[in-house]
Amino acid sequence: MSEGGQRLDKWLFFARFFKSRGLATARIEAGGIRINGQPCRKPGRSLHVGDEVTISAHGHVRAMRVLALGTRRGPATEAQCLYLEHTDGLIDPDEGTR
């Protein structure tokens, strides 16, 4: 992992998109995760603040911008501070952070 980054599977777990890191790893390897518009099947891919993540899982597609890297899997309110979600899948570069 490069300096300033975090493993994708770990971030998805910390951000509470998956109940376990193993489930996050399985979903990444099966497809359905995009980083900056590019498909990603490597759980160890380094994720950085500002990256765009698209998740297709559980019958929904979610698009978000990474605002912070996690240090633990905390409560939902803490996890929500790690990303800015966009319901339309489009990210406005002028949109502020939380």
N, C-alpha and C. Protein backbone atom coordinates (compact mmCIF):
# COMPACT_ATOMS: atom_id res chain seq x y z
N MET A 1 0.84 -1.17 0.00
CA MET A 1 0.00 0.00 0.00
C MET A 1 0.89 1.23 0.00
N SER A 2 0.54 2.20 -0.83
CA SER A 2 1.35 3.40 -0.90
C SER A 2 1.04 4.33 0.27
N GLU A 3 1.95 5.24 0.52
CA GLU A 3 1.80 6.18 1.64
C GLU A 3 0.54 7.02 1.44
N GLY A 4 -0.22 7.18 2.51
CA GLY A 4 -1.43 7.99 2.44
C GLY A 4 -2.63 7.25 1.91
N GLY A 5 -2.50 5.97 1.63
CA GLY A 5 -3.62 5.19 1.10
C GLY A 5 -4.07 4.12 2.09
N GLN A 6 -5.19 3.48 1.72
CA GLN A 6 -5.72 2.40 2.55
C GLN A 6 -6.28 1.33 1.62
N ARG A 7 -6.16 0.07 2.05
CA ARG A 7 -6.69 -1.03 1.24
C ARG A 7 -8.18 -0.82 1.00
N LEU A 8 -8.62 -1.10 -0.22
CA LEU A 8 -10.02 -0.95 -0.59
C LEU A 8 -10.94 -1.79 0.29
N ASP A 9 -10.60 -3.06 0.51
CA ASP A 9 -11.47 -3.91 1.32
C ASP A 9 -11.61 -3.38 2.75
N LYS A 10 -10.53 -2.87 3.28
CA LYS A 10 -10.54 -2.34 4.64
C LYS A 10 -11.42 -1.08 4.71
N TRP A 11 -11.28 -0.20 3.73
CA TRP A 11 -12.08 1.03 3.72
C TRP A 11 -13.58 0.72 3.59
N LEU A 12 -13.93 -0.22 2.71
CA LEU A 12 -15.34 -0.59 2.56
C LEU A 12 -15.91 -1.15 3.86
N PHE A 13 -15.12 -1.89 4.60
CA PHE A 13 -15.53 -2.43 5.89
C PHE A 13 -15.66 -1.30 6.92
N PHE A 14 -14.65 -0.43 7.01
CA PHE A 14 -14.70 0.68 7.96
C PHE A 14 -15.87 1.61 7.66
N ALA A 15 -16.18 1.82 6.38
CA ALA A 15 -17.27 2.71 5.97
C ALA A 15 -18.64 2.04 6.10
N ARG A 16 -18.65 0.77 6.53
CA ARG A 16 -19.87 0.00 6.80
C ARG A 16 -20.70 -0.32 5.56
N PHE A 17 -20.04 -0.51 4.42
CA PHE A 17 -20.75 -0.97 3.23
C PHE A 17 -20.93 -2.48 3.27
N PHE A 18 -20.07 -3.16 4.02
CA PHE A 18 -20.14 -4.61 4.17
C PHE A 18 -19.96 -4.96 5.64
N LYS A 19 -20.62 -6.04 6.08
CA LYS A 19 -20.59 -6.43 7.50
C LYS A 19 -19.26 -7.02 7.93
N SER A 20 -18.47 -7.48 6.97
CA SER A 20 -17.15 -8.01 7.32
C SER A 20 -16.17 -7.68 6.19
N ARG A 21 -14.91 -7.71 6.54
CA ARG A 21 -13.88 -7.45 5.53
C ARG A 21 -13.87 -8.58 4.50
N GLY A 22 -14.17 -9.80 4.95
CA GLY A 22 -14.25 -10.94 4.04
C GLY A 22 -15.34 -10.77 2.99
N LEU A 23 -16.49 -10.25 3.40
CA LEU A 23 -17.57 -9.99 2.44
C LEU A 23 -17.17 -8.90 1.45
N ALA A 24 -16.47 -7.89 1.93
CA ALA A 24 -15.99 -6.83 1.04
C ALA A 24 -15.01 -7.40 0.03
N THR A 25 -14.09 -8.25 0.50
CA THR A 25 -13.11 -8.88 -0.38
C THR A 25 -13.79 -9.72 -1.45
N ALA A 26 -14.78 -10.51 -1.04
CA ALA A 26 -15.50 -11.37 -1.99
C ALA A 26 -16.20 -10.54 -3.06
N ARG A 27 -16.82 -9.43 -2.66
CA ARG A 27 -17.54 -8.58 -3.62
C ARG A 27 -16.57 -7.93 -4.58
N ILE A 28 -15.44 -7.47 -4.09
CA ILE A 28 -14.44 -6.84 -4.95
C ILE A 28 -13.95 -7.84 -5.99
N GLU A 29 -13.61 -9.06 -5.55
CA GLU A 29 -13.09 -10.08 -6.45
C GLU A 29 -14.14 -10.53 -7.47
N ALA A 30 -15.42 -10.48 -7.10
CA ALA A 30 -16.50 -10.88 -8.01
C ALA A 30 -16.86 -9.79 -9.01
N GLY A 31 -16.37 -8.59 -8.81
CA GLY A 31 -16.69 -7.46 -9.68
C GLY A 31 -17.76 -6.59 -9.02
N GLY A 32 -18.09 -5.50 -9.66
CA GLY A 32 -19.11 -4.62 -9.13
C GLY A 32 -18.57 -3.43 -8.37
N ILE A 33 -17.25 -3.29 -8.29
CA ILE A 33 -16.63 -2.15 -7.63
C ILE A 33 -15.80 -1.40 -8.67
N ARG A 34 -15.99 -0.09 -8.73
CA ARG A 34 -15.19 0.75 -9.63
C ARG A 34 -14.51 1.83 -8.82
N ILE A 35 -13.27 2.10 -9.18
CA ILE A 35 -12.50 3.17 -8.57
C ILE A 35 -12.16 4.16 -9.68
N ASN A 36 -12.59 5.38 -9.52
CA ASN A 36 -12.37 6.42 -10.53
C ASN A 36 -12.81 5.95 -11.92
N GLY A 37 -13.93 5.23 -11.96
CA GLY A 37 -14.51 4.78 -13.22
C GLY A 37 -13.93 3.49 -13.78
N GLN A 38 -12.88 2.96 -13.18
CA GLN A 38 -12.23 1.75 -13.66
C GLN A 38 -12.61 0.55 -12.80
N PRO A 39 -12.97 -0.59 -13.42
CA PRO A 39 -13.29 -1.78 -12.62
C PRO A 39 -12.08 -2.18 -11.77
N CYS A 40 -12.37 -2.66 -10.57
CA CYS A 40 -11.31 -3.09 -9.66
C CYS A 40 -11.68 -4.43 -9.06
N ARG A 41 -10.79 -5.41 -9.18
CA ARG A 41 -11.01 -6.74 -8.60
C ARG A 41 -9.90 -7.10 -7.62
N LYS A 42 -9.17 -6.10 -7.15
CA LYS A 42 -8.06 -6.33 -6.22
C LYS A 42 -8.39 -5.72 -4.87
N PRO A 43 -8.67 -6.56 -3.86
CA PRO A 43 -9.00 -6.04 -2.53
C PRO A 43 -7.90 -5.18 -1.92
N GLY A 44 -6.65 -5.41 -2.30
CA GLY A 44 -5.54 -4.67 -1.74
C GLY A 44 -5.23 -3.37 -2.46
N ARG A 45 -6.06 -3.00 -3.44
CA ARG A 45 -5.81 -1.76 -4.16
C ARG A 45 -5.85 -0.59 -3.19
N SER A 46 -4.91 0.31 -3.33
CA SER A 46 -4.80 1.46 -2.44
C SER A 46 -5.83 2.52 -2.81
N LEU A 47 -6.59 2.93 -1.83
CA LEU A 47 -7.63 3.94 -1.99
C LEU A 47 -7.14 5.22 -1.32
N HIS A 48 -7.40 6.36 -1.95
CA HIS A 48 -6.93 7.64 -1.43
C HIS A 48 -8.09 8.62 -1.29
N VAL A 49 -7.90 9.62 -0.45
CA VAL A 49 -8.89 10.68 -0.30
C VAL A 49 -9.07 11.35 -1.66
N GLY A 50 -10.33 11.54 -2.05
CA GLY A 50 -10.64 12.14 -3.34
C GLY A 50 -11.02 11.13 -4.41
N ASP A 51 -10.71 9.85 -4.19
CA ASP A 51 -11.08 8.81 -5.15
C ASP A 51 -12.60 8.70 -5.24
N GLU A 52 -13.07 8.33 -6.41
CA GLU A 52 -14.49 8.10 -6.64
C GLU A 52 -14.72 6.59 -6.59
N VAL A 53 -15.66 6.14 -5.78
CA VAL A 53 -15.94 4.71 -5.62
C VAL A 53 -17.39 4.46 -6.01
N THR A 54 -17.61 3.46 -6.85
CA THR A 54 -18.95 3.03 -7.22
C THR A 54 -19.10 1.57 -6.80
N ILE A 55 -20.16 1.29 -6.05
CA ILE A 55 -20.41 -0.05 -5.54
C ILE A 55 -21.73 -0.54 -6.07
N SER A 56 -21.71 -1.71 -6.69
CA SER A 56 -22.93 -2.37 -7.12
C SER A 56 -23.06 -3.63 -6.27
N ALA A 57 -23.98 -3.57 -5.29
CA ALA A 57 -24.17 -4.70 -4.38
C ALA A 57 -25.55 -4.61 -3.75
N HIS A 58 -26.08 -5.75 -3.38
CA HIS A 58 -27.37 -5.82 -2.70
C HIS A 58 -28.50 -5.19 -3.53
N GLY A 59 -28.40 -5.25 -4.86
CA GLY A 59 -29.42 -4.72 -5.74
C GLY A 59 -29.41 -3.21 -5.91
N HIS A 60 -28.38 -2.53 -5.41
CA HIS A 60 -28.29 -1.08 -5.52
C HIS A 60 -26.93 -0.68 -6.07
N VAL A 61 -26.90 0.49 -6.69
CA VAL A 61 -25.63 1.08 -7.12
C VAL A 61 -25.45 2.36 -6.31
N ARG A 62 -24.29 2.47 -5.68
CA ARG A 62 -23.99 3.65 -4.86
C ARG A 62 -22.69 4.26 -5.35
N ALA A 63 -22.69 5.57 -5.50
CA ALA A 63 -21.49 6.30 -5.93
C ALA A 63 -21.11 7.29 -4.85
N MET A 64 -19.82 7.35 -4.55
CA MET A 64 -19.37 8.27 -3.51
C MET A 64 -17.94 8.73 -3.74
N ARG A 65 -17.61 9.82 -3.07
CA ARG A 65 -16.25 10.34 -3.06
C ARG A 65 -15.66 10.04 -1.68
N VAL A 66 -14.43 9.56 -1.65
CA VAL A 66 -13.75 9.27 -0.39
C VAL A 66 -13.32 10.60 0.23
N LEU A 67 -13.81 10.86 1.45
CA LEU A 67 -13.45 12.08 2.17
C LEU A 67 -12.34 11.84 3.19
N ALA A 68 -12.27 10.62 3.71
CA ALA A 68 -11.27 10.30 4.73
C ALA A 68 -11.01 8.79 4.72
N LEU A 69 -9.86 8.42 5.25
CA LEU A 69 -9.51 7.01 5.41
C LEU A 69 -9.83 6.64 6.85
N GLY A 70 -10.36 5.46 7.05
CA GLY A 70 -10.74 5.04 8.39
C GLY A 70 -9.58 4.52 9.20
N THR A 71 -9.75 4.56 10.51
CA THR A 71 -8.76 3.98 11.42
C THR A 71 -9.35 2.81 12.17
N ARG A 72 -10.70 2.68 12.12
CA ARG A 72 -11.39 1.58 12.78
C ARG A 72 -12.80 1.50 12.24
N ARG A 73 -13.50 0.42 12.58
CA ARG A 73 -14.91 0.29 12.23
C ARG A 73 -15.70 0.81 13.42
N GLY A 74 -16.06 2.06 13.35
CA GLY A 74 -16.78 2.70 14.44
C GLY A 74 -18.28 2.69 14.19
N PRO A 75 -19.01 3.53 14.91
CA PRO A 75 -20.45 3.62 14.73
C PRO A 75 -20.79 4.21 13.36
N ALA A 76 -22.03 4.03 12.95
CA ALA A 76 -22.48 4.49 11.63
C ALA A 76 -22.23 5.98 11.43
N THR A 77 -22.44 6.78 12.46
CA THR A 77 -22.22 8.22 12.32
C THR A 77 -20.76 8.54 12.00
N GLU A 78 -19.85 7.78 12.55
CA GLU A 78 -18.43 7.95 12.25
C GLU A 78 -18.13 7.47 10.83
N ALA A 79 -18.71 6.35 10.44
CA ALA A 79 -18.48 5.78 9.10
C ALA A 79 -18.97 6.73 8.01
N GLN A 80 -20.07 7.42 8.24
CA GLN A 80 -20.63 8.32 7.24
C GLN A 80 -19.74 9.53 6.97
N CYS A 81 -18.81 9.81 7.85
CA CYS A 81 -17.87 10.91 7.65
C CYS A 81 -16.73 10.53 6.71
N LEU A 82 -16.66 9.26 6.32
CA LEU A 82 -15.59 8.80 5.44
C LEU A 82 -15.89 9.04 3.97
N TYR A 83 -17.16 9.37 3.63
CA TYR A 83 -17.53 9.51 2.22
C TYR A 83 -18.66 10.51 2.03
N LEU A 84 -18.80 10.96 0.79
CA LEU A 84 -19.91 11.82 0.38
C LEU A 84 -20.63 11.07 -0.73
N GLU A 85 -21.85 10.66 -0.46
CA GLU A 85 -22.60 9.83 -1.41
C GLU A 85 -23.41 10.69 -2.36
N HIS A 86 -23.52 10.19 -3.61
CA HIS A 86 -24.28 10.88 -4.65
C HIS A 86 -25.32 9.92 -5.18
N THR A 87 -26.59 10.24 -4.99
CA THR A 87 -27.66 9.32 -5.38
C THR A 87 -27.80 9.19 -6.88
N ASP A 88 -27.44 10.21 -7.64
CA ASP A 88 -27.57 10.13 -9.10
C ASP A 88 -26.36 9.51 -9.76
N GLY A 89 -25.33 9.18 -8.98
CA GLY A 89 -24.14 8.54 -9.53
C GLY A 89 -23.15 9.53 -10.13
N LEU A 90 -23.55 10.81 -10.19
CA LEU A 90 -22.67 11.83 -10.74
C LEU A 90 -22.10 12.66 -9.60
N ILE A 91 -20.87 13.02 -9.73
CA ILE A 91 -20.21 13.77 -8.67
C ILE A 91 -19.89 15.16 -9.18
N ASP A 92 -20.40 16.16 -8.48
CA ASP A 92 -20.18 17.55 -8.81
C ASP A 92 -18.89 18.01 -8.16
N PRO A 93 -17.87 18.38 -8.93
CA PRO A 93 -16.58 18.75 -8.35
C PRO A 93 -16.65 19.99 -7.48
N ASP A 94 -17.70 20.82 -7.64
CA ASP A 94 -17.84 22.03 -6.83
C ASP A 94 -18.61 21.82 -5.55
N GLU A 95 -19.13 20.60 -5.36
CA GLU A 95 -19.93 20.30 -4.16
C GLU A 95 -19.03 20.26 -2.94
N GLY A 96 -19.49 20.86 -1.86
CA GLY A 96 -18.71 20.91 -0.62
C GLY A 96 -18.70 19.59 0.11
N THR A 97 -17.89 19.53 1.14
CA THR A 97 -17.84 18.34 1.98
C THR A 97 -18.76 18.52 3.17
N ARG A 98 -18.94 17.44 3.93
CA ARG A 98 -19.84 17.49 5.09
C ARG A 98 -19.30 18.36 6.19
